[in-house]
Structure formats: C-alpha cells, structure tokens
Amino acid sequence: MTTPDCYTCGQEARFDELPPRERIVFDEHWRVAHALDTAVPGWLVLLPRRHVAAVHDLTDAEAAVLGAWQVRLSRALRGVTGCLKTYVVQFAEREGFAHVHFHIVPRGADLPPEHRGPGVFGLIQRPEGERVTTARADDMAHALRARLQGGPNTP
C-alpha cells in the first residue's frame, strides 16, 4: 500500500527508474537510499518498502531483519568512510516524510562538537552549495553496494 502524499511511497512506485543513490541495496522489506540535501557523504536512510507510519506497525518479517540491516549498514559505512561510529535515528514526523525511516549517519572523527549527537541534524536540509552532490551520492552508493553484496548475514 502506498500513500499519494508520501515522498517515500512515490519513490518506491518508480523503483526500477531510481538512480543508484536511491536504491543502494534492498530486499523485499527494506530499501536503502542516500539522504537528500545533506552535507554528510554516506548519510543513509533505511526505508520500509510499503507505507508504514509508526514502528509498531512493522510486520514481524520487517522487524526481523531491521536490526541486521542497521548493523550491516553501519559496518559498511565504517569500511567506506572510516567513521568512528554511526548514529541510528528514527522520527518520521516531517510533512511528506511521515513514512517510517531510519537515518544511519556516519560520525567521523572530524565532526565538530556542535554537530555531534542530535546536532548532526544541522547538517541536513543544507543550502545547495553545501550538499553532497548527486554524483558523490551515486559514487558512495556504488562503494557501499560493493561492500554489502554477497557478504555473510545478508538480510
């Protein structure tokens, strides 16, 4: 089921046409995309492939692989970006983005203190000149996909 005013559902409806940054990896339940308008290369979004408005509405099958996806993506980000850790965050409150999604954000050693923890959200919805370019996001998608494909514990 999709919701017409939901950005994520609109993207899922055109799944086969999506660029690499919008479908880095996926399975029957989840799709991984690079975040929009972020200044952080590798800021990922883990999205259920059907419309879900709250975590408690995930099916048992979706929930069964959620943790494995979060850990695999965090490991892949560490391997590709060298980040010290990843932040995993879920709100789904913004207009047009009420579809459940998990932000998986690489936290590098050089991240200024004001952007650590919840302050990292100061690095999303950035002006165009500060954003990760679509070409850079596609390059990151290819690097992450290569790291994730065929590995053990594939969700």
N, C-alpha and C. Protein backbone atom coordinates (compact mmCIF):
# COMPACT_ATOMS: atom_id res chain seq x y z
N MET A 1 0.84 -1.18 0.00
CA MET A 1 0.00 0.00 0.00
C MET A 1 0.89 1.25 0.00
N THR A 2 0.55 2.22 -0.82
CA THR A 2 1.28 3.48 -0.86
C THR A 2 0.33 4.62 -0.51
N THR A 3 0.91 5.73 -0.12
CA THR A 3 0.14 6.92 0.21
C THR A 3 0.55 8.01 -0.77
N PRO A 4 -0.42 8.64 -1.46
CA PRO A 4 -0.10 9.58 -2.54
C PRO A 4 0.75 10.79 -2.11
N ASP A 5 0.59 11.28 -0.89
CA ASP A 5 1.34 12.47 -0.48
C ASP A 5 2.65 12.13 0.24
N CYS A 6 3.07 10.89 0.13
CA CYS A 6 4.28 10.42 0.80
C CYS A 6 5.44 10.36 -0.20
N TYR A 7 6.51 11.10 0.07
CA TYR A 7 7.68 11.12 -0.82
C TYR A 7 8.24 9.71 -1.01
N THR A 8 8.39 8.97 0.08
CA THR A 8 8.98 7.63 0.01
C THR A 8 8.12 6.70 -0.83
N CYS A 9 6.82 6.74 -0.67
CA CYS A 9 5.94 5.89 -1.48
C CYS A 9 6.03 6.27 -2.96
N GLY A 10 6.14 7.55 -3.24
CA GLY A 10 6.30 7.99 -4.62
C GLY A 10 7.58 7.45 -5.24
N GLN A 11 8.67 7.44 -4.47
CA GLN A 11 9.93 6.88 -4.95
C GLN A 11 9.79 5.37 -5.16
N GLU A 12 9.17 4.70 -4.23
CA GLU A 12 9.01 3.24 -4.33
C GLU A 12 8.18 2.88 -5.56
N ALA A 13 7.20 3.70 -5.90
CA ALA A 13 6.35 3.44 -7.06
C ALA A 13 7.13 3.45 -8.37
N ARG A 14 8.26 4.15 -8.38
CA ARG A 14 9.10 4.18 -9.58
C ARG A 14 10.45 3.52 -9.33
N PHE A 15 10.42 2.48 -8.53
CA PHE A 15 11.62 1.77 -8.07
C PHE A 15 12.61 1.45 -9.19
N ASP A 16 12.12 0.90 -10.30
CA ASP A 16 13.02 0.48 -11.38
C ASP A 16 13.73 1.65 -12.06
N GLU A 17 13.23 2.86 -11.89
CA GLU A 17 13.83 4.05 -12.52
C GLU A 17 14.77 4.81 -11.58
N LEU A 18 14.84 4.39 -10.34
CA LEU A 18 15.61 5.15 -9.35
C LEU A 18 17.11 5.11 -9.65
N PRO A 19 17.81 6.23 -9.41
CA PRO A 19 19.27 6.25 -9.58
C PRO A 19 19.93 5.46 -8.44
N PRO A 20 21.21 5.14 -8.60
CA PRO A 20 21.90 4.34 -7.58
C PRO A 20 21.76 4.89 -6.16
N ARG A 21 21.80 6.20 -5.99
CA ARG A 21 21.72 6.80 -4.65
C ARG A 21 20.37 6.55 -3.98
N GLU A 22 19.34 6.22 -4.75
CA GLU A 22 18.00 5.98 -4.19
C GLU A 22 17.71 4.50 -3.96
N ARG A 23 18.58 3.63 -4.44
CA ARG A 23 18.40 2.18 -4.21
C ARG A 23 19.77 1.52 -4.10
N ILE A 24 20.45 1.90 -3.05
CA ILE A 24 21.81 1.40 -2.82
C ILE A 24 21.79 -0.11 -2.69
N VAL A 25 20.99 -0.61 -1.79
CA VAL A 25 20.72 -2.04 -1.62
C VAL A 25 19.27 -2.16 -1.16
N PHE A 26 18.72 -3.36 -1.28
CA PHE A 26 17.32 -3.56 -0.92
C PHE A 26 17.05 -5.05 -0.78
N ASP A 27 15.94 -5.34 -0.12
CA ASP A 27 15.39 -6.69 -0.11
C ASP A 27 13.88 -6.55 -0.25
N GLU A 28 13.13 -7.58 0.04
CA GLU A 28 11.68 -7.48 -0.15
C GLU A 28 11.01 -6.53 0.84
N HIS A 29 11.68 -6.23 1.96
CA HIS A 29 11.09 -5.40 3.01
C HIS A 29 11.67 -3.99 3.12
N TRP A 30 12.94 -3.82 2.78
CA TRP A 30 13.66 -2.57 3.04
C TRP A 30 14.42 -2.10 1.81
N ARG A 31 14.56 -0.78 1.70
CA ARG A 31 15.38 -0.16 0.66
C ARG A 31 16.28 0.87 1.35
N VAL A 32 17.49 1.00 0.86
CA VAL A 32 18.46 1.95 1.41
C VAL A 32 18.75 3.03 0.37
N ALA A 33 18.64 4.28 0.80
CA ALA A 33 18.91 5.43 -0.07
C ALA A 33 19.88 6.37 0.63
N HIS A 34 20.56 7.18 -0.17
CA HIS A 34 21.38 8.25 0.39
C HIS A 34 20.43 9.39 0.73
N ALA A 35 20.64 10.03 1.87
CA ALA A 35 19.77 11.13 2.30
C ALA A 35 19.83 12.30 1.32
N LEU A 36 18.74 13.03 1.25
CA LEU A 36 18.64 14.24 0.42
C LEU A 36 19.20 15.44 1.17
N ASP A 37 19.75 16.38 0.45
CA ASP A 37 20.09 17.70 0.98
C ASP A 37 21.03 17.68 2.19
N THR A 38 21.86 16.66 2.30
CA THR A 38 22.78 16.57 3.43
C THR A 38 24.18 17.00 3.04
N ALA A 39 24.92 17.48 4.03
CA ALA A 39 26.33 17.83 3.83
C ALA A 39 27.24 16.65 4.20
N VAL A 40 26.67 15.52 4.60
CA VAL A 40 27.45 14.37 5.07
C VAL A 40 27.42 13.24 4.04
N PRO A 41 28.54 12.98 3.38
CA PRO A 41 28.58 11.84 2.45
C PRO A 41 28.35 10.54 3.21
N GLY A 42 27.44 9.73 2.70
CA GLY A 42 27.15 8.45 3.33
C GLY A 42 26.00 8.49 4.32
N TRP A 43 25.33 9.61 4.47
CA TRP A 43 24.15 9.68 5.34
C TRP A 43 23.07 8.84 4.67
N LEU A 44 22.75 7.71 5.27
CA LEU A 44 21.81 6.76 4.66
C LEU A 44 20.45 6.84 5.30
N VAL A 45 19.45 6.38 4.55
CA VAL A 45 18.09 6.27 5.05
C VAL A 45 17.61 4.86 4.72
N LEU A 46 17.19 4.14 5.76
CA LEU A 46 16.66 2.78 5.65
C LEU A 46 15.14 2.87 5.68
N LEU A 47 14.49 2.43 4.59
CA LEU A 47 13.06 2.67 4.37
C LEU A 47 12.28 1.37 4.17
N PRO A 48 11.17 1.20 4.88
CA PRO A 48 10.31 0.06 4.55
C PRO A 48 9.74 0.25 3.14
N ARG A 49 9.57 -0.83 2.42
CA ARG A 49 9.13 -0.74 1.03
C ARG A 49 7.61 -0.62 0.89
N ARG A 50 6.92 -0.62 1.98
CA ARG A 50 5.47 -0.33 1.98
C ARG A 50 5.25 0.82 2.95
N HIS A 51 4.11 1.48 2.85
CA HIS A 51 3.87 2.62 3.74
C HIS A 51 3.62 2.13 5.16
N VAL A 52 4.44 2.65 6.07
CA VAL A 52 4.33 2.36 7.50
C VAL A 52 4.51 3.70 8.20
N ALA A 53 3.58 4.08 9.06
CA ALA A 53 3.64 5.38 9.72
C ALA A 53 4.22 5.33 11.12
N ALA A 54 4.35 4.14 11.71
CA ALA A 54 4.90 4.01 13.06
C ALA A 54 5.63 2.68 13.19
N VAL A 55 6.66 2.66 13.98
CA VAL A 55 7.47 1.45 14.14
C VAL A 55 6.62 0.27 14.61
N HIS A 56 5.65 0.51 15.47
CA HIS A 56 4.82 -0.59 15.97
C HIS A 56 3.96 -1.22 14.87
N ASP A 57 3.87 -0.58 13.69
CA ASP A 57 3.12 -1.14 12.58
C ASP A 57 3.96 -1.99 11.64
N LEU A 58 5.26 -2.13 11.91
CA LEU A 58 6.08 -3.04 11.10
C LEU A 58 5.57 -4.45 11.26
N THR A 59 5.64 -5.22 10.19
CA THR A 59 5.29 -6.64 10.30
C THR A 59 6.41 -7.37 11.03
N ASP A 60 6.13 -8.58 11.47
CA ASP A 60 7.18 -9.38 12.12
C ASP A 60 8.33 -9.63 11.15
N ALA A 61 8.02 -9.83 9.88
CA ALA A 61 9.06 -10.08 8.88
C ALA A 61 9.94 -8.84 8.69
N GLU A 62 9.33 -7.66 8.64
CA GLU A 62 10.11 -6.42 8.52
C GLU A 62 10.98 -6.21 9.75
N ALA A 63 10.39 -6.43 10.91
CA ALA A 63 11.12 -6.23 12.17
C ALA A 63 12.26 -7.23 12.32
N ALA A 64 12.07 -8.44 11.82
CA ALA A 64 13.07 -9.50 11.99
C ALA A 64 14.41 -9.16 11.34
N VAL A 65 14.40 -8.35 10.28
CA VAL A 65 15.65 -8.02 9.59
C VAL A 65 16.11 -6.58 9.84
N LEU A 66 15.32 -5.80 10.54
CA LEU A 66 15.65 -4.40 10.78
C LEU A 66 17.01 -4.24 11.47
N GLY A 67 17.22 -4.91 12.56
CA GLY A 67 18.49 -4.79 13.28
C GLY A 67 19.68 -5.24 12.45
N ALA A 68 19.50 -6.30 11.69
CA ALA A 68 20.59 -6.78 10.84
C ALA A 68 20.95 -5.73 9.79
N TRP A 69 19.94 -5.08 9.22
CA TRP A 69 20.21 -4.01 8.25
C TRP A 69 20.98 -2.87 8.92
N GLN A 70 20.55 -2.46 10.10
CA GLN A 70 21.20 -1.33 10.78
C GLN A 70 22.67 -1.64 11.06
N VAL A 71 22.96 -2.84 11.51
CA VAL A 71 24.34 -3.22 11.80
C VAL A 71 25.16 -3.35 10.51
N ARG A 72 24.61 -4.01 9.50
CA ARG A 72 25.34 -4.16 8.23
C ARG A 72 25.65 -2.81 7.59
N LEU A 73 24.68 -1.91 7.62
CA LEU A 73 24.91 -0.58 7.04
C LEU A 73 25.96 0.19 7.84
N SER A 74 25.92 0.08 9.15
CA SER A 74 26.92 0.73 10.00
C SER A 74 28.31 0.18 9.71
N ARG A 75 28.43 -1.11 9.56
CA ARG A 75 29.73 -1.71 9.23
C ARG A 75 30.21 -1.26 7.85
N ALA A 76 29.30 -1.23 6.89
CA ALA A 76 29.68 -0.81 5.54
C ALA A 76 30.12 0.66 5.54
N LEU A 77 29.41 1.50 6.29
CA LEU A 77 29.80 2.91 6.38
C LEU A 77 31.18 3.05 7.01
N ARG A 78 31.45 2.26 8.03
CA ARG A 78 32.78 2.32 8.66
C ARG A 78 33.85 1.93 7.65
N GLY A 79 33.57 0.88 6.87
CA GLY A 79 34.53 0.43 5.88
C GLY A 79 34.75 1.43 4.75
N VAL A 80 33.70 2.11 4.33
CA VAL A 80 33.79 3.03 3.20
C VAL A 80 34.24 4.43 3.63
N THR A 81 33.74 4.92 4.77
CA THR A 81 34.04 6.30 5.18
C THR A 81 35.10 6.39 6.26
N GLY A 82 35.35 5.29 6.97
CA GLY A 82 36.29 5.33 8.10
C GLY A 82 35.69 5.98 9.33
N CYS A 83 34.38 6.14 9.38
CA CYS A 83 33.73 6.79 10.52
C CYS A 83 34.03 6.06 11.83
N LEU A 84 34.00 6.80 12.94
CA LEU A 84 34.23 6.22 14.26
C LEU A 84 33.03 5.42 14.74
N LYS A 85 31.84 5.89 14.38
CA LYS A 85 30.58 5.25 14.78
C LYS A 85 29.50 5.73 13.85
N THR A 86 28.33 5.16 13.99
CA THR A 86 27.17 5.66 13.25
C THR A 86 26.08 6.01 14.24
N TYR A 87 25.28 6.99 13.86
CA TYR A 87 24.08 7.32 14.60
C TYR A 87 22.92 6.65 13.89
N VAL A 88 22.00 6.07 14.65
CA VAL A 88 20.78 5.49 14.10
C VAL A 88 19.61 6.22 14.75
N VAL A 89 18.81 6.90 13.92
CA VAL A 89 17.77 7.78 14.42
C VAL A 89 16.49 7.56 13.62
N GLN A 90 15.33 7.63 14.31
CA GLN A 90 14.05 7.50 13.63
C GLN A 90 13.04 8.45 14.25
N PHE A 91 12.45 9.31 13.43
CA PHE A 91 11.39 10.21 13.88
C PHE A 91 10.15 10.10 12.99
N ALA A 92 10.29 10.31 11.67
CA ALA A 92 9.18 10.24 10.70
C ALA A 92 8.06 11.22 11.05
N GLU A 93 8.42 12.46 11.28
CA GLU A 93 7.45 13.49 11.66
C GLU A 93 7.31 14.61 10.65
N ARG A 94 8.28 14.80 9.77
CA ARG A 94 8.27 15.93 8.84
C ARG A 94 7.16 15.77 7.79
N GLU A 95 6.54 16.86 7.44
CA GLU A 95 5.49 16.88 6.41
C GLU A 95 5.99 16.19 5.13
N GLY A 96 5.24 15.22 4.64
CA GLY A 96 5.61 14.49 3.43
C GLY A 96 6.57 13.35 3.67
N PHE A 97 7.09 13.25 4.91
CA PHE A 97 8.07 12.20 5.24
C PHE A 97 7.63 11.45 6.50
N ALA A 98 6.32 11.25 6.66
CA ALA A 98 5.80 10.54 7.83
C ALA A 98 5.98 9.03 7.71
N HIS A 99 6.44 8.56 6.57
CA HIS A 99 6.77 7.16 6.32
C HIS A 99 7.96 6.81 7.24
N VAL A 100 7.84 5.76 8.03
CA VAL A 100 8.93 5.35 8.91
C VAL A 100 10.22 5.25 8.11
N HIS A 101 11.29 5.81 8.65
CA HIS A 101 12.61 5.67 8.05
C HIS A 101 13.66 5.85 9.13
N PHE A 102 14.75 5.16 8.98
CA PHE A 102 15.85 5.22 9.94
C PHE A 102 17.03 5.91 9.28
N HIS A 103 17.52 6.95 9.92
CA HIS A 103 18.73 7.62 9.47
C HIS A 103 19.92 6.84 10.02
N ILE A 104 20.84 6.47 9.16
CA ILE A 104 22.08 5.81 9.56
C ILE A 104 23.19 6.78 9.14
N VAL A 105 23.75 7.49 10.10
CA VAL A 105 24.62 8.63 9.82
C VAL A 105 26.05 8.32 10.26
N PRO A 106 27.01 8.38 9.33
CA PRO A 106 28.40 8.17 9.72
C PRO A 106 28.92 9.36 10.53
N ARG A 107 29.53 9.09 11.67
CA ARG A 107 30.09 10.15 12.51
C ARG A 107 31.61 10.04 12.45
N GLY A 108 32.19 10.93 11.68
CA GLY A 108 33.64 10.95 11.52
C GLY A 108 34.34 11.60 12.69
N ALA A 109 35.64 11.36 12.79
CA ALA A 109 36.46 11.93 13.86
C ALA A 109 36.49 13.46 13.80
N ASP A 110 36.34 14.01 12.60
CA ASP A 110 36.45 15.46 12.43
C ASP A 110 35.11 16.20 12.56
N LEU A 111 34.05 15.51 12.95
CA LEU A 111 32.76 16.17 13.10
C LEU A 111 32.83 17.17 14.26
N PRO A 112 32.55 18.44 14.00
CA PRO A 112 32.62 19.44 15.07
C PRO A 112 31.67 19.09 16.22
N PRO A 113 32.05 19.43 17.45
CA PRO A 113 31.21 19.09 18.62
C PRO A 113 29.76 19.55 18.50
N GLU A 114 29.52 20.70 17.87
CA GLU A 114 28.15 21.20 17.77
C GLU A 114 27.27 20.34 16.84
N HIS A 115 27.90 19.48 16.05
CA HIS A 115 27.13 18.61 15.16
C HIS A 115 27.11 17.16 15.64
N ARG A 116 27.63 16.90 16.82
CA ARG A 116 27.60 15.54 17.35
C ARG A 116 26.26 15.28 18.04
N GLY A 117 25.89 14.00 18.11
CA GLY A 117 24.60 13.66 18.70
C GLY A 117 23.48 14.27 17.88
N PRO A 118 22.42 14.78 18.55
CA PRO A 118 21.29 15.33 17.80
C PRO A 118 21.67 16.53 16.94
N GLY A 119 22.81 17.18 17.24
CA GLY A 119 23.27 18.31 16.44
C GLY A 119 23.59 17.94 15.01
N VAL A 120 23.73 16.63 14.72
CA VAL A 120 24.01 16.20 13.35
C VAL A 120 22.90 16.63 12.40
N PHE A 121 21.69 16.81 12.92
CA PHE A 121 20.59 17.22 12.06
C PHE A 121 20.75 18.66 11.55
N GLY A 122 21.73 19.38 12.06
CA GLY A 122 22.09 20.67 11.49
C GLY A 122 22.79 20.53 10.15
N LEU A 123 23.14 19.30 9.77
CA LEU A 123 23.84 19.04 8.51
C LEU A 123 22.94 18.45 7.44
N ILE A 124 21.64 18.51 7.66
CA ILE A 124 20.67 18.06 6.65
C ILE A 124 19.79 19.26 6.31
N GLN A 125 19.21 19.25 5.13
CA GLN A 125 18.45 20.38 4.59
C GLN A 125 19.37 21.59 4.45
N ARG A 126 20.54 21.33 3.93
CA ARG A 126 21.55 22.37 3.75
C ARG A 126 21.35 23.09 2.41
N PRO A 127 21.88 24.30 2.29
CA PRO A 127 21.82 25.00 1.01
C PRO A 127 22.55 24.19 -0.07
N GLU A 128 22.17 24.38 -1.29
CA GLU A 128 22.68 23.56 -2.39
C GLU A 128 24.21 23.50 -2.44
N GLY A 129 24.89 24.58 -2.22
CA GLY A 129 26.35 24.60 -2.29
C GLY A 129 27.04 23.76 -1.23
N GLU A 130 26.33 23.41 -0.16
CA GLU A 130 26.90 22.60 0.92
C GLU A 130 26.52 21.13 0.83
N ARG A 131 25.60 20.80 -0.04
CA ARG A 131 25.08 19.43 -0.12
C ARG A 131 26.03 18.48 -0.82
N VAL A 132 25.94 17.22 -0.44
CA VAL A 132 26.61 16.16 -1.20
C VAL A 132 25.99 16.18 -2.59
N THR A 133 26.81 16.22 -3.62
CA THR A 133 26.28 16.24 -4.99
C THR A 133 25.66 14.89 -5.33
N THR A 134 24.80 14.88 -6.34
CA THR A 134 24.21 13.61 -6.77
C THR A 134 25.30 12.66 -7.27
N ALA A 135 26.32 13.19 -7.94
CA ALA A 135 27.41 12.33 -8.41
C ALA A 135 28.16 11.71 -7.24
N ARG A 136 28.41 12.49 -6.19
CA ARG A 136 29.10 11.96 -5.00
C ARG A 136 28.22 10.94 -4.29
N ALA A 137 26.92 11.20 -4.19
CA ALA A 137 26.00 10.25 -3.55
C ALA A 137 25.94 8.96 -4.36
N ASP A 138 25.95 9.05 -5.70
CA ASP A 138 25.97 7.83 -6.53
C ASP A 138 27.28 7.07 -6.35
N ASP A 139 28.41 7.78 -6.26
CA ASP A 139 29.70 7.12 -6.00
C ASP A 139 29.67 6.40 -4.66
N MET A 140 29.13 7.06 -3.65
CA MET A 140 29.01 6.44 -2.33
C MET A 140 28.11 5.22 -2.41
N ALA A 141 27.02 5.31 -3.17
CA ALA A 141 26.10 4.17 -3.34
C ALA A 141 26.83 2.97 -3.94
N HIS A 142 27.62 3.21 -4.97
CA HIS A 142 28.36 2.11 -5.60
C HIS A 142 29.36 1.49 -4.64
N ALA A 143 30.07 2.30 -3.88
CA ALA A 143 31.06 1.79 -2.92
C ALA A 143 30.38 0.98 -1.82
N LEU A 144 29.26 1.48 -1.32
CA LEU A 144 28.54 0.75 -0.27
C LEU A 144 27.94 -0.54 -0.80
N ARG A 145 27.36 -0.49 -2.00
CA ARG A 145 26.79 -1.70 -2.60
C ARG A 145 27.87 -2.77 -2.77
N ALA A 146 29.03 -2.39 -3.25
CA ALA A 146 30.12 -3.35 -3.44
C ALA A 146 30.51 -3.98 -2.12
N ARG A 147 30.53 -3.20 -1.06
CA ARG A 147 30.90 -3.72 0.26
C ARG A 147 29.82 -4.63 0.82
N LEU A 148 28.56 -4.34 0.52
CA LEU A 148 27.43 -5.07 1.10
C LEU A 148 27.05 -6.34 0.33
N GLN A 149 27.29 -6.38 -0.96
CA GLN A 149 26.83 -7.52 -1.76
C GLN A 149 27.59 -8.79 -1.42
N GLY A 150 26.84 -9.84 -1.28
CA GLY A 150 27.42 -11.16 -1.12
C GLY A 150 28.07 -11.43 0.22
N GLY A 151 27.94 -10.51 1.16
CA GLY A 151 28.56 -10.74 2.46
C GLY A 151 27.73 -11.67 3.34
N PRO A 152 28.33 -12.15 4.41
CA PRO A 152 27.58 -13.01 5.33
C PRO A 152 26.47 -12.23 6.03
N ASN A 153 25.49 -12.92 6.52
CA ASN A 153 24.37 -12.34 7.26
C ASN A 153 23.56 -11.36 6.42
N THR A 154 23.44 -11.63 5.13
CA THR A 154 22.64 -10.78 4.26
C THR A 154 21.19 -10.86 4.71
N PRO A 155 20.61 -9.67 5.04
CA PRO A 155 19.19 -9.72 5.46
C PRO A 155 18.29 -10.07 4.29
